[in-house]
Amino acid sequence: MKTTMKFLFVMLSLMASTVFASNADLEFKAVKVEDEFAKVNELEQYLAAHPNMTYEQVKQAKPELLEGVDLISNTNTNLAPTKDMPLVGGFWWGCCLGVIGLALVYFITDHDKEQVRMAFWGCIIATIIWGVGGLWNPFGW
């Protein structure tokens, strides 16, 4: 009974604190948003008119377009396929998780043939080991 009452008290306290918490920074102001993107829109229009311009060329030809705009000249992102499996290689994913591991390797590595082949062999070897282990049971379990 006491633990239930403590739990209810904690939950009600958390709900009350979220109700009274207000965050004025999250208000949407359309004019301010449009002002912030005005320079980006100018840069976008310039690049649409000159599609072969690089970052360095724009910096030399129209430096006023880049004032106050933070651009990253390197476009590498974390969304690029990794081509490697996290923690362990594809063989162990296929060996430990079987068909599910094979599917995970296939989708995570963006269809990398080498990793998928290793996961496939891991899946086959695990199936053979479990199959032989199921046939040979010295303890009679």
C-alpha atoms as a PDB file:
ATOM      1  CA  MET A   1       0.000   0.000   0.000  1.00  0.00           C
ATOM      2  CA  LYS A   2       2.820   2.399   0.890  1.00  0.00           C
ATOM      3  CA  THR A   3       4.686   1.758  -2.339  1.00  0.00           C
ATOM      4  CA  THR A   4       1.515   2.360  -4.353  1.00  0.00           C
ATOM      5  CA  MET A   5       0.946   5.661  -2.582  1.00  0.00           C
ATOM      6  CA  LYS A   6       4.575   6.705  -3.128  1.00  0.00           C
ATOM      7  CA  PHE A   7       4.325   5.810  -6.788  1.00  0.00           C
ATOM      8  CA  LEU A   8       1.107   7.809  -7.204  1.00  0.00           C
ATOM      9  CA  PHE A   9       2.626  10.781  -5.376  1.00  0.00           C
ATOM     10  CA  VAL A  10       5.695  10.763  -7.631  1.00  0.00           C
ATOM     11  CA  MET A  11       3.585  10.444 -10.776  1.00  0.00           C
ATOM     12  CA  LEU A  12       1.249  13.266  -9.750  1.00  0.00           C
ATOM     13  CA  SER A  13       4.228  15.457  -8.872  1.00  0.00           C
ATOM     14  CA  LEU A  14       5.785  14.856 -12.287  1.00  0.00           C
ATOM     15  CA  MET A  15       2.533  15.564 -14.089  1.00  0.00           C
ATOM     16  CA  ALA A  16       1.991  18.767 -12.098  1.00  0.00           C
ATOM     17  CA  SER A  17       5.502  19.985 -12.847  1.00  0.00           C
ATOM     18  CA  THR A  18       5.024  19.426 -16.578  1.00  0.00           C
ATOM     19  CA  VAL A  19       1.696  21.269 -16.553  1.00  0.00           C
ATOM     20  CA  PHE A  20       3.155  24.355 -14.906  1.00  0.00           C
ATOM     21  CA  ALA A  21       6.361  24.370 -16.914  1.00  0.00           C
ATOM     22  CA  SER A  22       6.179  26.786 -19.816  1.00  0.00           C
ATOM     23  CA  ASN A  23       8.755  27.386 -22.479  1.00  0.00           C
ATOM     24  CA  ALA A  24       8.398  30.755 -24.201  1.00  0.00           C
ATOM     25  CA  ASP A  25      11.327  29.999 -26.532  1.00  0.00           C
ATOM     26  CA  LEU A  26       9.248  27.546 -28.514  1.00  0.00           C
ATOM     27  CA  GLU A  27       6.736  30.073 -29.820  1.00  0.00           C
ATOM     28  CA  PHE A  28       6.484  30.196 -33.600  1.00  0.00           C
ATOM     29  CA  LYS A  29       6.972  33.604 -35.169  1.00  0.00           C
ATOM     30  CA  ALA A  30       6.596  33.464 -38.943  1.00  0.00           C
ATOM     31  CA  VAL A  31       8.201  36.851 -39.595  1.00  0.00           C
ATOM     32  CA  LYS A  32      11.331  35.956 -37.639  1.00  0.00           C
ATOM     33  CA  VAL A  33      11.636  32.627 -39.435  1.00  0.00           C
ATOM     34  CA  GLU A  34      11.293  34.317 -42.828  1.00  0.00           C
ATOM     35  CA  ASP A  35      13.943  36.893 -41.884  1.00  0.00           C
ATOM     36  CA  GLU A  36      16.349  34.151 -40.829  1.00  0.00           C
ATOM     37  CA  PHE A  37      15.943  32.310 -44.130  1.00  0.00           C
ATOM     38  CA  ALA A  38      16.093  35.412 -46.378  1.00  0.00           C
ATOM     39  CA  LYS A  39      19.870  35.112 -46.926  1.00  0.00           C
ATOM     40  CA  VAL A  40      19.625  31.392 -47.490  1.00  0.00           C
ATOM     41  CA  ASN A  41      16.943  32.023 -50.117  1.00  0.00           C
ATOM     42  CA  GLU A  42      19.200  34.544 -51.891  1.00  0.00           C
ATOM     43  CA  LEU A  43      22.027  32.015 -51.912  1.00  0.00           C
ATOM     44  CA  GLU A  44      19.683  29.332 -53.196  1.00  0.00           C
ATOM     45  CA  GLN A  45      18.489  31.554 -56.053  1.00  0.00           C
ATOM     46  CA  TYR A  46      22.080  32.388 -56.999  1.00  0.00           C
ATOM     47  CA  LEU A  47      23.057  28.706 -57.011  1.00  0.00           C
ATOM     48  CA  ALA A  48      19.979  27.824 -59.076  1.00  0.00           C
ATOM     49  CA  ALA A  49      21.089  30.368 -61.679  1.00  0.00           C
ATOM     50  CA  HIS A  50      24.706  29.112 -61.536  1.00  0.00           C
ATOM     51  CA  PRO A  51      24.458  25.334 -60.916  1.00  0.00           C
ATOM     52  CA  ASN A  52      28.159  24.558 -61.449  1.00  0.00           C
ATOM     53  CA  MET A  53      29.446  26.945 -58.770  1.00  0.00           C
ATOM     54  CA  THR A  54      31.402  25.489 -55.885  1.00  0.00           C
ATOM     55  CA  TYR A  55      31.573  26.812 -52.347  1.00  0.00           C
ATOM     56  CA  GLU A  56      34.970  28.408 -52.967  1.00  0.00           C
ATOM     57  CA  GLN A  57      33.796  30.039 -56.199  1.00  0.00           C
ATOM     58  CA  VAL A  58      30.750  31.541 -54.473  1.00  0.00           C
ATOM     59  CA  LYS A  59      33.000  32.768 -51.667  1.00  0.00           C
ATOM     60  CA  GLN A  60      35.149  34.630 -54.217  1.00  0.00           C
ATOM     61  CA  ALA A  61      32.409  35.871 -56.580  1.00  0.00           C
ATOM     62  CA  LYS A  62      29.638  36.806 -54.112  1.00  0.00           C
ATOM     63  CA  PRO A  63      30.989  36.895 -50.535  1.00  0.00           C
ATOM     64  CA  GLU A  64      27.987  38.959 -49.400  1.00  0.00           C
ATOM     65  CA  LEU A  65      25.773  35.918 -49.919  1.00  0.00           C
ATOM     66  CA  LEU A  66      27.784  33.996 -47.331  1.00  0.00           C
ATOM     67  CA  GLU A  67      27.866  36.702 -44.644  1.00  0.00           C
ATOM     68  CA  GLY A  68      26.096  35.536 -41.515  1.00  0.00           C
ATOM     69  CA  VAL A  69      25.338  32.152 -43.028  1.00  0.00           C
ATOM     70  CA  ASP A  70      27.121  29.186 -41.501  1.00  0.00           C
ATOM     71  CA  LEU A  71      27.714  26.624 -44.205  1.00  0.00           C
ATOM     72  CA  ILE A  72      29.582  23.383 -43.926  1.00  0.00           C
ATOM     73  CA  SER A  73      31.775  22.879 -46.960  1.00  0.00           C
ATOM     74  CA  ASN A  74      32.131  19.155 -46.261  1.00  0.00           C
ATOM     75  CA  THR A  75      28.892  17.295 -46.884  1.00  0.00           C
ATOM     76  CA  ASN A  76      29.737  13.967 -45.262  1.00  0.00           C
ATOM     77  CA  THR A  77      26.854  12.864 -43.076  1.00  0.00           C
ATOM     78  CA  ASN A  78      26.179  10.073 -40.645  1.00  0.00           C
ATOM     79  CA  LEU A  79      23.375   8.869 -42.879  1.00  0.00           C
ATOM     80  CA  ALA A  80      25.795   7.387 -45.387  1.00  0.00           C
ATOM     81  CA  PRO A  81      25.864   3.593 -45.404  1.00  0.00           C
ATOM     82  CA  THR A  82      28.606   2.271 -43.158  1.00  0.00           C
ATOM     83  CA  LYS A  83      29.527  -0.862 -45.124  1.00  0.00           C
ATOM     84  CA  ASP A  84      30.619  -2.364 -41.794  1.00  0.00           C
ATOM     85  CA  MET A  85      28.512  -3.924 -39.117  1.00  0.00           C
ATOM     86  CA  PRO A  86      28.672  -2.444 -35.627  1.00  0.00           C
ATOM     87  CA  LEU A  87      30.446  -4.361 -32.843  1.00  0.00           C
ATOM     88  CA  VAL A  88      31.237  -7.556 -34.771  1.00  0.00           C
ATOM     89  CA  GLY A  89      31.450  -8.607 -38.403  1.00  0.00           C
ATOM     90  CA  GLY A  90      28.651  -9.895 -40.569  1.00  0.00           C
ATOM     91  CA  PHE A  91      29.641 -13.535 -39.965  1.00  0.00           C
ATOM     92  CA  TRP A  92      28.848 -13.312 -36.262  1.00  0.00           C
ATOM     93  CA  TRP A  93      25.550 -11.506 -36.891  1.00  0.00           C
ATOM     94  CA  GLY A  94      24.480 -14.339 -39.180  1.00  0.00           C
ATOM     95  CA  CYS A  95      25.875 -17.008 -36.865  1.00  0.00           C
ATOM     96  CA  CYS A  96      24.217 -15.725 -33.685  1.00  0.00           C
ATOM     97  CA  LEU A  97      20.925 -14.392 -35.060  1.00  0.00           C
ATOM     98  CA  GLY A  98      20.430 -16.608 -38.095  1.00  0.00           C
ATOM     99  CA  VAL A  99      18.063 -15.298 -40.748  1.00  0.00           C
ATOM    100  CA  ILE A 100      17.296 -12.179 -38.704  1.00  0.00           C
ATOM    101  CA  GLY A 101      21.026 -11.400 -38.508  1.00  0.00           C
ATOM    102  CA  LEU A 102      21.317 -11.963 -42.239  1.00  0.00           C
ATOM    103  CA  ALA A 103      18.491  -9.472 -42.866  1.00  0.00           C
ATOM    104  CA  LEU A 104      20.042  -6.944 -40.483  1.00  0.00           C
ATOM    105  CA  VAL A 105      23.402  -7.157 -42.270  1.00  0.00           C
ATOM    106  CA  TYR A 106      21.665  -6.797 -45.627  1.00  0.00           C
ATOM    107  CA  PHE A 107      19.839  -3.614 -44.662  1.00  0.00           C
ATOM    108  CA  ILE A 108      22.436  -1.967 -42.404  1.00  0.00           C
ATOM    109  CA  THR A 109      25.310  -2.305 -44.884  1.00  0.00           C
ATOM    110  CA  ASP A 110      23.121  -1.185 -47.799  1.00  0.00           C
ATOM    111  CA  HIS A 111      23.388  -4.532 -49.625  1.00  0.00           C
ATOM    112  CA  ASP A 112      27.186  -4.897 -49.291  1.00  0.00           C
ATOM    113  CA  LYS A 113      27.825  -8.238 -51.007  1.00  0.00           C
ATOM    114  CA  GLU A 114      30.889  -9.172 -48.943  1.00  0.00           C
ATOM    115  CA  GLN A 115      29.212  -8.564 -45.575  1.00  0.00           C
ATOM    116  CA  VAL A 116      26.005 -10.321 -46.683  1.00  0.00           C
ATOM    117  CA  ARG A 117      28.020 -13.319 -47.898  1.00  0.00           C
ATOM    118  CA  MET A 118      29.825 -13.521 -44.545  1.00  0.00           C
ATOM    119  CA  ALA A 119      26.481 -13.335 -42.706  1.00  0.00           C
ATOM    120  CA  PHE A 120      25.083 -16.041 -44.983  1.00  0.00           C
ATOM    121  CA  TRP A 121      27.989 -18.370 -44.182  1.00  0.00           C
ATOM    122  CA  GLY A 122      27.591 -17.609 -40.489  1.00  0.00           C
ATOM    123  CA  CYS A 123      23.913 -18.537 -40.737  1.00  0.00           C
ATOM    124  CA  ILE A 124      24.720 -21.775 -42.614  1.00  0.00           C
ATOM    125  CA  ILE A 125      27.431 -22.798 -40.130  1.00  0.00           C
ATOM    126  CA  ALA A 126      25.184 -22.103 -37.145  1.00  0.00           C
ATOM    127  CA  THR A 127      22.407 -24.151 -38.742  1.00  0.00           C
ATOM    128  CA  ILE A 128      24.789 -27.075 -39.333  1.00  0.00           C
ATOM    129  CA  ILE A 129      26.155 -26.900 -35.783  1.00  0.00           C
ATOM    130  CA  TRP A 130      22.683 -26.755 -34.233  1.00  0.00           C
ATOM    131  CA  GLY A 131      21.470 -29.528 -36.544  1.00  0.00           C
ATOM    132  CA  VAL A 132      24.350 -31.837 -35.656  1.00  0.00           C
ATOM    133  CA  GLY A 133      23.949 -30.943 -31.983  1.00  0.00           C
ATOM    134  CA  GLY A 134      20.288 -31.862 -32.161  1.00  0.00           C
ATOM    135  CA  LEU A 135      21.045 -35.246 -33.716  1.00  0.00           C
ATOM    136  CA  TRP A 136      23.878 -36.173 -31.370  1.00  0.00           C
ATOM    137  CA  ASN A 137      22.780 -35.977 -27.779  1.00  0.00           C
ATOM    138  CA  PRO A 138      25.034 -37.947 -25.432  1.00  0.00           C
ATOM    139  CA  PHE A 139      23.037 -37.043 -22.316  1.00  0.00           C
ATOM    140  CA  GLY A 140      19.639 -38.127 -23.641  1.00  0.00           C
ATOM    141  CA  TRP A 141      17.976 -34.766 -22.978  1.00  0.00           C
END
